PDB file of N, CA and C in Angstrom:
ATOM      1  N   MET A   1       0.841  -1.188   0.000  1.00  0.00           N
ATOM      2  CA  MET A   1       0.000   0.000   0.000  1.00  0.00           C
ATOM      3  C   MET A   1       0.881   1.245   0.000  1.00  0.00           C
ATOM      4  N   ASP A   2       0.585   2.179  -0.902  1.00  0.00           N
ATOM      5  CA  ASP A   2       1.372   3.400  -0.988  1.00  0.00           C
ATOM      6  C   ASP A   2       1.077   4.319   0.186  1.00  0.00           C
ATOM      7  N   GLU A   3       2.108   5.001   0.593  1.00  0.00           N
ATOM      8  CA  GLU A   3       1.975   5.975   1.664  1.00  0.00           C
ATOM      9  C   GLU A   3       1.282   7.220   1.116  1.00  0.00           C
ATOM     10  N   LYS A   4       0.364   7.792   1.890  1.00  0.00           N
ATOM     11  CA  LYS A   4      -0.340   9.009   1.474  1.00  0.00           C
ATOM     12  C   LYS A   4       0.495  10.227   1.846  1.00  0.00           C
ATOM     13  N   LEU A   5       0.408  11.228   1.000  1.00  0.00           N
ATOM     14  CA  LEU A   5       1.200  12.430   1.180  1.00  0.00           C
ATOM     15  C   LEU A   5       0.304  13.634   0.928  1.00  0.00           C
ATOM     16  N   LYS A   6       0.404  14.643   1.780  1.00  0.00           N
ATOM     17  CA  LYS A   6      -0.357  15.877   1.579  1.00  0.00           C
ATOM     18  C   LYS A   6       0.558  16.867   0.875  1.00  0.00           C
ATOM     19  N   ILE A   7       0.102  17.338  -0.290  1.00  0.00           N
ATOM     20  CA  ILE A   7       0.891  18.293  -1.069  1.00  0.00           C
ATOM     21  C   ILE A   7       0.006  19.455  -1.487  1.00  0.00           C
ATOM     22  N   LYS A   8       0.664  20.520  -1.931  1.00  0.00           N
ATOM     23  CA  LYS A   8      -0.055  21.672  -2.473  1.00  0.00           C
ATOM     24  C   LYS A   8       0.438  21.879  -3.894  1.00  0.00           C
ATOM     25  N   ILE A   9      -0.503  21.897  -4.816  1.00  0.00           N
ATOM     26  CA  ILE A   9      -0.195  22.093  -6.228  1.00  0.00           C
ATOM     27  C   ILE A   9      -0.719  23.462  -6.640  1.00  0.00           C
ATOM     28  N   SER A  10       0.124  24.226  -7.314  1.00  0.00           N
ATOM     29  CA  SER A  10      -0.267  25.556  -7.779  1.00  0.00           C
ATOM     30  C   SER A  10      -0.519  25.511  -9.281  1.00  0.00           C
ATOM     31  N   ILE A  11      -1.715  25.948  -9.664  1.00  0.00           N
ATOM     32  CA  ILE A  11      -2.082  26.039 -11.078  1.00  0.00           C
ATOM     33  C   ILE A  11      -2.778  27.379 -11.287  1.00  0.00           C
ATOM     34  N   ALA A  12      -2.278  28.155 -12.224  1.00  0.00           N
ATOM     35  CA  ALA A  12      -2.880  29.455 -12.570  1.00  0.00           C
ATOM     36  C   ALA A  12      -3.036  30.347 -11.341  1.00  0.00           C
ATOM     37  N   ASP A  13      -1.981  30.418 -10.556  1.00  0.00           N
ATOM     38  CA  ASP A  13      -1.940  31.269  -9.355  1.00  0.00           C
ATOM     39  C   ASP A  13      -2.950  30.874  -8.283  1.00  0.00           C
ATOM     40  N   ARG A  14      -3.408  29.641  -8.313  1.00  0.00           N
ATOM     41  CA  ARG A  14      -4.280  29.129  -7.255  1.00  0.00           C
ATOM     42  C   ARG A  14      -3.646  27.877  -6.685  1.00  0.00           C
ATOM     43  N   VAL A  15      -3.772  27.704  -5.393  1.00  0.00           N
ATOM     44  CA  VAL A  15      -3.166  26.560  -4.715  1.00  0.00           C
ATOM     45  C   VAL A  15      -4.246  25.537  -4.396  1.00  0.00           C
ATOM     46  N   TYR A  16      -3.936  24.278  -4.722  1.00  0.00           N
ATOM     47  CA  TYR A  16      -4.868  23.180  -4.494  1.00  0.00           C
ATOM     48  C   TYR A  16      -4.217  22.160  -3.568  1.00  0.00           C
ATOM     49  N   PRO A  17      -4.747  22.029  -2.343  1.00  0.00           N
ATOM     50  CA  PRO A  17      -4.203  20.999  -1.448  1.00  0.00           C
ATOM     51  C   PRO A  17      -4.735  19.626  -1.863  1.00  0.00           C
ATOM     52  N   LEU A  18      -3.847  18.658  -1.937  1.00  0.00           N
ATOM     53  CA  LEU A  18      -4.212  17.307  -2.360  1.00  0.00           C
ATOM     54  C   LEU A  18      -3.605  16.279  -1.421  1.00  0.00           C
ATOM     55  N   THR A  19      -4.295  15.167  -1.285  1.00  0.00           N
ATOM     56  CA  THR A  19      -3.736  14.004  -0.612  1.00  0.00           C
ATOM     57  C   THR A  19      -3.569  12.938  -1.681  1.00  0.00           C
ATOM     58  N   VAL A  20      -2.320  12.544  -1.901  1.00  0.00           N
ATOM     59  CA  VAL A  20      -2.013  11.643  -3.009  1.00  0.00           C
ATOM     60  C   VAL A  20      -1.115  10.509  -2.529  1.00  0.00           C
ATOM     61  N   ASP A  21      -1.048   9.459  -3.344  1.00  0.00           N
ATOM     62  CA  ASP A  21      -0.079   8.403  -3.094  1.00  0.00           C
ATOM     63  C   ASP A  21       1.310   8.968  -3.361  1.00  0.00           C
ATOM     64  N   LEU A  22       2.277   8.508  -2.610  1.00  0.00           N
ATOM     65  CA  LEU A  22       3.651   8.961  -2.775  1.00  0.00           C
ATOM     66  C   LEU A  22       4.119   8.776  -4.217  1.00  0.00           C
ATOM     67  N   SER A  23       3.672   7.699  -4.841  1.00  0.00           N
ATOM     68  CA  SER A  23       4.078   7.399  -6.218  1.00  0.00           C
ATOM     69  C   SER A  23       3.495   8.384  -7.238  1.00  0.00           C
ATOM     70  N   GLN A  24       2.483   9.150  -6.863  1.00  0.00           N
ATOM     71  CA  GLN A  24       1.848  10.102  -7.778  1.00  0.00           C
ATOM     72  C   GLN A  24       2.435  11.503  -7.700  1.00  0.00           C
ATOM     73  N   GLU A  25       3.181  11.787  -6.652  1.00  0.00           N
ATOM     74  CA  GLU A  25       3.630  13.161  -6.410  1.00  0.00           C
ATOM     75  C   GLU A  25       4.424  13.744  -7.576  1.00  0.00           C
ATOM     76  N   GLU A  26       5.413  13.036  -8.042  1.00  0.00           N
ATOM     77  CA  GLU A  26       6.267  13.561  -9.107  1.00  0.00           C
ATOM     78  C   GLU A  26       5.465  13.874 -10.369  1.00  0.00           C
ATOM     79  N   GLY A  27       4.571  12.970 -10.745  1.00  0.00           N
ATOM     80  CA  GLY A  27       3.752  13.183 -11.930  1.00  0.00           C
ATOM     81  C   GLY A  27       2.835  14.386 -11.794  1.00  0.00           C
ATOM     82  N   LEU A  28       2.242  14.560 -10.623  1.00  0.00           N
ATOM     83  CA  LEU A  28       1.353  15.704 -10.407  1.00  0.00           C
ATOM     84  C   LEU A  28       2.114  17.023 -10.439  1.00  0.00           C
ATOM     85  N   ARG A  29       3.272  17.048  -9.819  1.00  0.00           N
ATOM     86  CA  ARG A  29       4.071  18.278  -9.822  1.00  0.00           C
ATOM     87  C   ARG A  29       4.540  18.620 -11.242  1.00  0.00           C
ATOM     88  N   SER A  30       4.941  17.612 -11.974  1.00  0.00           N
ATOM     89  CA  SER A  30       5.360  17.821 -13.361  1.00  0.00           C
ATOM     90  C   SER A  30       4.193  18.321 -14.211  1.00  0.00           C
ATOM     91  N   ALA A  31       3.030  17.723 -14.026  1.00  0.00           N
ATOM     92  CA  ALA A  31       1.841  18.138 -14.784  1.00  0.00           C
ATOM     93  C   ALA A  31       1.471  19.585 -14.479  1.00  0.00           C
ATOM     94  N   SER A  32       1.536  19.977 -13.203  1.00  0.00           N
ATOM     95  CA  SER A  32       1.178  21.358 -12.858  1.00  0.00           C
ATOM     96  C   SER A  32       2.159  22.347 -13.480  1.00  0.00           C
ATOM     97  N   LYS A  33       3.436  21.971 -13.559  1.00  0.00           N
ATOM     98  CA  LYS A  33       4.420  22.848 -14.209  1.00  0.00           C
ATOM     99  C   LYS A  33       4.133  22.975 -15.703  1.00  0.00           C
ATOM    100  N   LYS A  34       3.746  21.871 -16.337  1.00  0.00           N
ATOM    101  CA  LYS A  34       3.415  21.917 -17.765  1.00  0.00           C
ATOM    102  C   LYS A  34       2.187  22.785 -18.009  1.00  0.00           C
ATOM    103  N   ILE A  35       1.208  22.670 -17.137  1.00  0.00           N
ATOM    104  CA  ILE A  35      -0.007  23.482 -17.268  1.00  0.00           C
ATOM    105  C   ILE A  35       0.344  24.961 -17.135  1.00  0.00           C
ATOM    106  N   ASP A  36       1.123  25.312 -16.109  1.00  0.00           N
ATOM    107  CA  ASP A  36       1.498  26.714 -15.919  1.00  0.00           C
ATOM    108  C   ASP A  36       2.309  27.248 -17.098  1.00  0.00           C
ATOM    109  N   LYS A  37       3.188  26.420 -17.650  1.00  0.00           N
ATOM    110  CA  LYS A  37       3.975  26.832 -18.816  1.00  0.00           C
ATOM    111  C   LYS A  37       3.061  27.090 -20.012  1.00  0.00           C
ATOM    112  N   MET A  38       2.082  26.210 -20.208  1.00  0.00           N
ATOM    113  CA  MET A  38       1.156  26.370 -21.319  1.00  0.00           C
ATOM    114  C   MET A  38       0.272  27.605 -21.115  1.00  0.00           C
ATOM    115  N   ILE A  39      -0.153  27.845 -19.889  1.00  0.00           N
ATOM    116  CA  ILE A  39      -0.947  29.041 -19.580  1.00  0.00           C
ATOM    117  C   ILE A  39      -0.166  30.290 -19.975  1.00  0.00           C
ATOM    118  N   LYS A  40       1.100  30.321 -19.586  1.00  0.00           N
ATOM    119  CA  LYS A  40       1.945  31.473 -19.898  1.00  0.00           C
ATOM    120  C   LYS A  40       2.064  31.669 -21.409  1.00  0.00           C
ATOM    121  N   GLN A  41       2.233  30.578 -22.147  1.00  0.00           N
ATOM    122  CA  GLN A  41       2.335  30.673 -23.607  1.00  0.00           C
ATOM    123  C   GLN A  41       1.051  31.222 -24.222  1.00  0.00           C
ATOM    124  N   PHE A  42      -0.095  30.723 -23.757  1.00  0.00           N
ATOM    125  CA  PHE A  42      -1.368  31.219 -24.291  1.00  0.00           C
ATOM    126  C   PHE A  42      -1.559  32.697 -23.967  1.00  0.00           C
ATOM    127  N   GLU A  43      -1.215  33.094 -22.745  1.00  0.00           N
ATOM    128  CA  GLU A  43      -1.383  34.498 -22.357  1.00  0.00           C
ATOM    129  C   GLU A  43      -0.459  35.417 -23.161  1.00  0.00           C
ATOM    130  N   GLU A  44       0.738  34.935 -23.492  1.00  0.00           N
ATOM    131  CA  GLU A  44       1.680  35.754 -24.259  1.00  0.00           C
ATOM    132  C   GLU A  44       1.304  35.843 -25.739  1.00  0.00           C
ATOM    133  N   ASN A  45       0.713  34.780 -26.271  1.00  0.00           N
ATOM    134  CA  ASN A  45       0.476  34.711 -27.713  1.00  0.00           C
ATOM    135  C   ASN A  45      -0.939  35.069 -28.157  1.00  0.00           C
ATOM    136  N   TYR A  46      -1.880  35.080 -27.248  1.00  0.00           N
ATOM    137  CA  TYR A  46      -3.273  35.323 -27.625  1.00  0.00           C
ATOM    138  C   TYR A  46      -3.900  36.351 -26.690  1.00  0.00           C
ATOM    139  N   ALA A  47      -4.883  37.060 -27.216  1.00  0.00           N
ATOM    140  CA  ALA A  47      -5.624  38.012 -26.395  1.00  0.00           C
ATOM    141  C   ALA A  47      -6.694  37.238 -25.634  1.00  0.00           C
ATOM    142  N   VAL A  48      -6.427  36.962 -24.395  1.00  0.00           N
ATOM    143  CA  VAL A  48      -7.386  36.213 -23.580  1.00  0.00           C
ATOM    144  C   VAL A  48      -7.965  37.132 -22.522  1.00  0.00           C
ATOM    145  N   ARG A  49      -9.243  36.938 -22.263  1.00  0.00           N
ATOM    146  CA  ARG A  49      -9.929  37.817 -21.324  1.00  0.00           C
ATOM    147  C   ARG A  49      -9.794  37.364 -19.879  1.00  0.00           C
ATOM    148  N   ASP A  50      -9.794  36.075 -19.663  1.00  0.00           N
ATOM    149  CA  ASP A  50      -9.682  35.606 -18.280  1.00  0.00           C
ATOM    150  C   ASP A  50      -9.033  34.223 -18.224  1.00  0.00           C
ATOM    151  N   LYS A  51      -8.743  33.804 -17.016  1.00  0.00           N
ATOM    152  CA  LYS A  51      -8.069  32.513 -16.810  1.00  0.00           C
ATOM    153  C   LYS A  51      -8.918  31.344 -17.290  1.00  0.00           C
ATOM    154  N   GLN A  52     -10.231  31.475 -17.215  1.00  0.00           N
ATOM    155  CA  GLN A  52     -11.106  30.383 -17.653  1.00  0.00           C
ATOM    156  C   GLN A  52     -10.871  30.057 -19.122  1.00  0.00           C
ATOM    157  N   ASP A  53     -10.728  31.093 -19.954  1.00  0.00           N
ATOM    158  CA  ASP A  53     -10.456  30.869 -21.373  1.00  0.00           C
ATOM    159  C   ASP A  53      -9.120  30.152 -21.565  1.00  0.00           C
ATOM    160  N   VAL A  54      -8.112  30.599 -20.833  1.00  0.00           N
ATOM    161  CA  VAL A  54      -6.785  29.993 -20.939  1.00  0.00           C
ATOM    162  C   VAL A  54      -6.823  28.544 -20.468  1.00  0.00           C
ATOM    163  N   LEU A  55      -7.492  28.291 -19.361  1.00  0.00           N
ATOM    164  CA  LEU A  55      -7.583  26.925 -18.839  1.00  0.00           C
ATOM    165  C   LEU A  55      -8.348  26.014 -19.795  1.00  0.00           C
ATOM    166  N   ALA A  56      -9.382  26.555 -20.438  1.00  0.00           N
ATOM    167  CA  ALA A  56     -10.124  25.757 -21.422  1.00  0.00           C
ATOM    168  C   ALA A  56      -9.226  25.394 -22.598  1.00  0.00           C
ATOM    169  N   MET A  57      -8.415  26.329 -23.061  1.00  0.00           N
ATOM    170  CA  MET A  57      -7.494  26.050 -24.163  1.00  0.00           C
ATOM    171  C   MET A  57      -6.432  25.033 -23.747  1.00  0.00           C
ATOM    172  N   CYS A  58      -5.955  25.133 -22.504  1.00  0.00           N
ATOM    173  CA  CYS A  58      -4.990  24.145 -21.993  1.00  0.00           C
ATOM    174  C   CYS A  58      -5.620  22.757 -21.954  1.00  0.00           C
ATOM    175  N   ALA A  59      -6.839  22.682 -21.464  1.00  0.00           N
ATOM    176  CA  ALA A  59      -7.532  21.389 -21.396  1.00  0.00           C
ATOM    177  C   ALA A  59      -7.693  20.800 -22.793  1.00  0.00           C
ATOM    178  N   LEU A  60      -8.070  21.632 -23.750  1.00  0.00           N
ATOM    179  CA  LEU A  60      -8.221  21.170 -25.129  1.00  0.00           C
ATOM    180  C   LEU A  60      -6.885  20.688 -25.694  1.00  0.00           C
ATOM    181  N   GLN A  61      -5.829  21.433 -25.434  1.00  0.00           N
ATOM    182  CA  GLN A  61      -4.503  21.071 -25.932  1.00  0.00           C
ATOM    183  C   GLN A  61      -4.053  19.721 -25.365  1.00  0.00           C
ATOM    184  N   PHE A  62      -4.179  19.543 -24.050  1.00  0.00           N
ATOM    185  CA  PHE A  62      -3.767  18.282 -23.433  1.00  0.00           C
ATOM    186  C   PHE A  62      -4.639  17.117 -23.897  1.00  0.00           C
ATOM    187  N   ALA A  63      -5.941  17.357 -24.012  1.00  0.00           N
ATOM    188  CA  ALA A  63      -6.842  16.291 -24.468  1.00  0.00           C
ATOM    189  C   ALA A  63      -6.525  15.889 -25.903  1.00  0.00           C
ATOM    190  N   SER A  64      -6.238  16.870 -26.759  1.00  0.00           N
ATOM    191  CA  SER A  64      -5.927  16.537 -28.152  1.00  0.00           C
ATOM    192  C   SER A  64      -4.605  15.785 -28.252  1.00  0.00           C
ATOM    193  N   GLN A  65      -3.635  16.122 -27.411  1.00  0.00           N
ATOM    194  CA  GLN A  65      -2.367  15.380 -27.394  1.00  0.00           C
ATOM    195  C   GLN A  65      -2.592  13.930 -26.984  1.00  0.00           C
ATOM    196  N   THR A  66      -3.421  13.725 -25.978  1.00  0.00           N
ATOM    197  CA  THR A  66      -3.733  12.372 -25.518  1.00  0.00           C
ATOM    198  C   THR A  66      -4.440  11.583 -26.610  1.00  0.00           C
ATOM    199  N   GLU A  67      -5.412  12.203 -27.254  1.00  0.00           N
ATOM    200  CA  GLU A  67      -6.143  11.534 -28.333  1.00  0.00           C
ATOM    201  C   GLU A  67      -5.221  11.194 -29.499  1.00  0.00           C
ATOM    202  N   GLN A  68      -4.335  12.128 -29.849  1.00  0.00           N
ATOM    203  CA  GLN A  68      -3.428  11.883 -30.968  1.00  0.00           C
ATOM    204  C   GLN A  68      -2.485  10.726 -30.660  1.00  0.00           C
ATOM    205  N   LYS A  69      -2.012  10.647 -29.424  1.00  0.00           N
ATOM    206  CA  LYS A  69      -1.148   9.519 -29.038  1.00  0.00           C
ATOM    207  C   LYS A  69      -1.899   8.202 -29.165  1.00  0.00           C
ATOM    208  N   GLN A  70      -3.169   8.190 -28.779  1.00  0.00           N
ATOM    209  CA  GLN A  70      -3.982   6.979 -28.886  1.00  0.00           C
ATOM    210  C   GLN A  70      -4.186   6.598 -30.352  1.00  0.00           C
ATOM    211  N   ILE A  71      -4.447   7.589 -31.191  1.00  0.00           N
ATOM    212  CA  ILE A  71      -4.621   7.336 -32.627  1.00  0.00           C
ATOM    213  C   ILE A  71      -3.329   6.786 -33.218  1.00  0.00           C
ATOM    214  N   ASP A  72      -2.207   7.415 -32.872  1.00  0.00           N
ATOM    215  CA  ASP A  72      -0.910   6.959 -33.381  1.00  0.00           C
ATOM    216  C   ASP A  72      -0.615   5.532 -32.935  1.00  0.00           C
ATOM    217  N   LYS A  73      -0.961   5.217 -31.688  1.00  0.00           N
ATOM    218  CA  LYS A  73      -0.731   3.869 -31.168  1.00  0.00           C
ATOM    219  C   LYS A  73      -1.584   2.851 -31.925  1.00  0.00           C
ATOM    220  N   THR A  74      -2.828   3.211 -32.218  1.00  0.00           N
ATOM    221  CA  THR A  74      -3.722   2.322 -32.963  1.00  0.00           C
ATOM    222  C   THR A  74      -3.190   2.084 -34.368  1.00  0.00           C
ATOM    223  N   ILE A  75      -2.764   3.157 -35.022  1.00  0.00           N
ATOM    224  CA  ILE A  75      -2.225   3.030 -36.380  1.00  0.00           C
ATOM    225  C   ILE A  75      -0.972   2.173 -36.368  1.00  0.00           C
ATOM    226  N   ASP A  76      -0.090   2.406 -35.401  1.00  0.00           N
ATOM    227  CA  ASP A  76       1.140   1.624 -35.291  1.00  0.00           C
ATOM    228  C   ASP A  76       0.819   0.162 -35.012  1.00  0.00           C
ATOM    229  N   GLY A  77      -0.187  -0.090 -34.179  1.00  0.00           N
ATOM    230  CA  GLY A  77      -0.603  -1.462 -33.884  1.00  0.00           C
ATOM    231  C   GLY A  77      -1.127  -2.168 -35.121  1.00  0.00           C
ATOM    232  N   GLU A  78      -1.889  -1.447 -35.926  1.00  0.00           N
ATOM    233  CA  GLU A  78      -2.423  -2.031 -37.162  1.00  0.00           C
ATOM    234  C   GLU A  78      -1.294  -2.358 -38.138  1.00  0.00           C
ATOM    235  N   ALA A  79      -0.302  -1.483 -38.227  1.00  0.00           N
ATOM    236  CA  ALA A  79       0.839  -1.734 -39.114  1.00  0.00           C
ATOM    237  C   ALA A  79       1.617  -2.961 -38.647  1.00  0.00           C
ATOM    238  N   THR A  80       1.763  -3.110 -37.351  1.00  0.00           N
ATOM    239  CA  THR A  80       2.466  -4.272 -36.796  1.00  0.00           C
ATOM    240  C   THR A  80       1.716  -5.554 -37.112  1.00  0.00           C
ATOM    241  N   ILE A  81       0.405  -5.527 -36.965  1.00  0.00           N
ATOM    242  CA  ILE A  81      -0.411  -6.711 -37.273  1.00  0.00           C
ATOM    243  C   ILE A  81      -0.264  -7.083 -38.741  1.00  0.00           C
ATOM    244  N   GLU A  82      -0.261  -6.089 -39.626  1.00  0.00           N
ATOM    245  CA  GLU A  82      -0.090  -6.362 -41.058  1.00  0.00           C
ATOM    246  C   GLU A  82       1.269  -6.990 -41.345  1.00  0.00           C
ATOM    247  N   ARG A  83       2.307  -6.501 -40.692  1.00  0.00           N
ATOM    248  CA  ARG A  83       3.642  -7.088 -40.891  1.00  0.00           C
ATOM    249  C   ARG A  83       3.689  -8.526 -40.399  1.00  0.00           C
ATOM    250  N   ILE A  84       3.054  -8.791 -39.266  1.00  0.00           N
ATOM    251  CA  ILE A  84       3.011 -10.159 -38.738  1.00  0.00           C
ATOM    252  C   ILE A  84       2.272 -11.081 -39.700  1.00  0.00           C
ATOM    253  N   LYS A  85       1.166 -10.600 -40.275  1.00  0.00           N
ATOM    254  CA  LYS A  85       0.419 -11.409 -41.246  1.00  0.00           C
ATOM    255  C   LYS A  85       1.283 -11.746 -42.454  1.00  0.00           C
ATOM    256  N   LYS A  86       2.054 -10.763 -42.941  1.00  0.00           N
ATOM    257  CA  LYS A  86       2.928 -11.004 -44.088  1.00  0.00           C
ATOM    258  C   LYS A  86       4.016 -12.023 -43.741  1.00  0.00           C
ATOM    259  N   ILE A  87       4.589 -11.896 -42.555  1.00  0.00           N
ATOM    260  CA  ILE A  87       5.616 -12.851 -42.112  1.00  0.00           C
ATOM    261  C   ILE A  87       5.020 -14.246 -41.997  1.00  0.00           C
ATOM    262  N   ASN A  88       3.825 -14.345 -41.439  1.00  0.00           N
ATOM    263  CA  ASN A  88       3.150 -15.646 -41.329  1.00  0.00           C
ATOM    264  C   ASN A  88       2.905 -16.261 -42.704  1.00  0.00           C
ATOM    265  N   ALA A  89       2.504 -15.436 -43.660  1.00  0.00           N
ATOM    266  CA  ALA A  89       2.261 -15.938 -45.019  1.00  0.00           C
ATOM    267  C   ALA A  89       3.557 -16.469 -45.628  1.00  0.00           C
ATOM    268  N   ILE A  90       4.650 -15.754 -45.430  1.00  0.00           N
ATOM    269  CA  ILE A  90       5.949 -16.207 -45.945  1.00  0.00           C
ATOM    270  C   ILE A  90       6.364 -17.513 -45.275  1.00  0.00           C
ATOM    271  N   LEU A  91       6.173 -17.590 -43.965  1.00  0.00           N
ATOM    272  CA  LEU A  91       6.510 -18.822 -43.236  1.00  0.00           C
ATOM    273  C   LEU A  91       5.651 -19.990 -43.702  1.00  0.00           C
ATOM    274  N   ASP A  92       4.362 -19.738 -43.919  1.00  0.00           N
ATOM    275  CA  ASP A  92       3.468 -20.796 -44.409  1.00  0.00           C
ATOM    276  C   ASP A  92       3.937 -21.313 -45.764  1.00  0.00           C
ATOM    277  N   GLN A  93       4.317 -20.399 -46.656  1.00  0.00           N
ATOM    278  CA  GLN A  93       4.817 -20.807 -47.978  1.00  0.00           C
ATOM    279  C   GLN A  93       6.088 -21.644 -47.832  1.00  0.00           C
ATOM    280  N   TYR A  94       6.964 -21.235 -46.966  1.00  0.00           N
ATOM    281  CA  TYR A  94       8.227 -21.944 -46.764  1.00  0.00           C
ATOM    282  C   TYR A  94       7.986 -23.328 -46.165  1.00  0.00           C
ATOM    283  N   LEU A  95       7.101 -23.404 -45.181  1.00  0.00           N
ATOM    284  CA  LEU A  95       6.842 -24.677 -44.502  1.00  0.00           C
ATOM    285  C   LEU A  95       6.053 -25.645 -45.372  1.00  0.00           C
ATOM    286  N   ASP A  96       5.283 -25.126 -46.321  1.00  0.00           N
ATOM    287  CA  ASP A  96       4.505 -25.987 -47.214  1.00  0.00           C
ATOM    288  C   ASP A  96       5.377 -26.661 -48.270  1.00  0.00           C
ATOM    289  N   LYS A  97       6.579 -26.196 -48.470  1.00  0.00           N
ATOM    290  CA  LYS A  97       7.463 -26.773 -49.501  1.00  0.00           C
ATOM    291  C   LYS A  97       8.016 -28.099 -49.078  1.00  0.00           C
TER     292      LYS A  97
END
């Protein structure tokens, strides 16, 4: 059982107290830094009226990255299956001789 840890994560100048497994701490801290970095980029590059708009764009950006990775993994998996089928066909031809 993982040890619980109380931490404070800062996102968009707001602090969120969390109780997390020790194994999750590094990932959460890294994620909050990425979010803050992305917020800063959006604020510098676009005319945004409030933090809600920036946070919505960050959420969309992270969600699209996750979806794209899933799509890429599916495509790569399909290519691997096709290669295996071709190898099996070659082996079948060889073994039938």
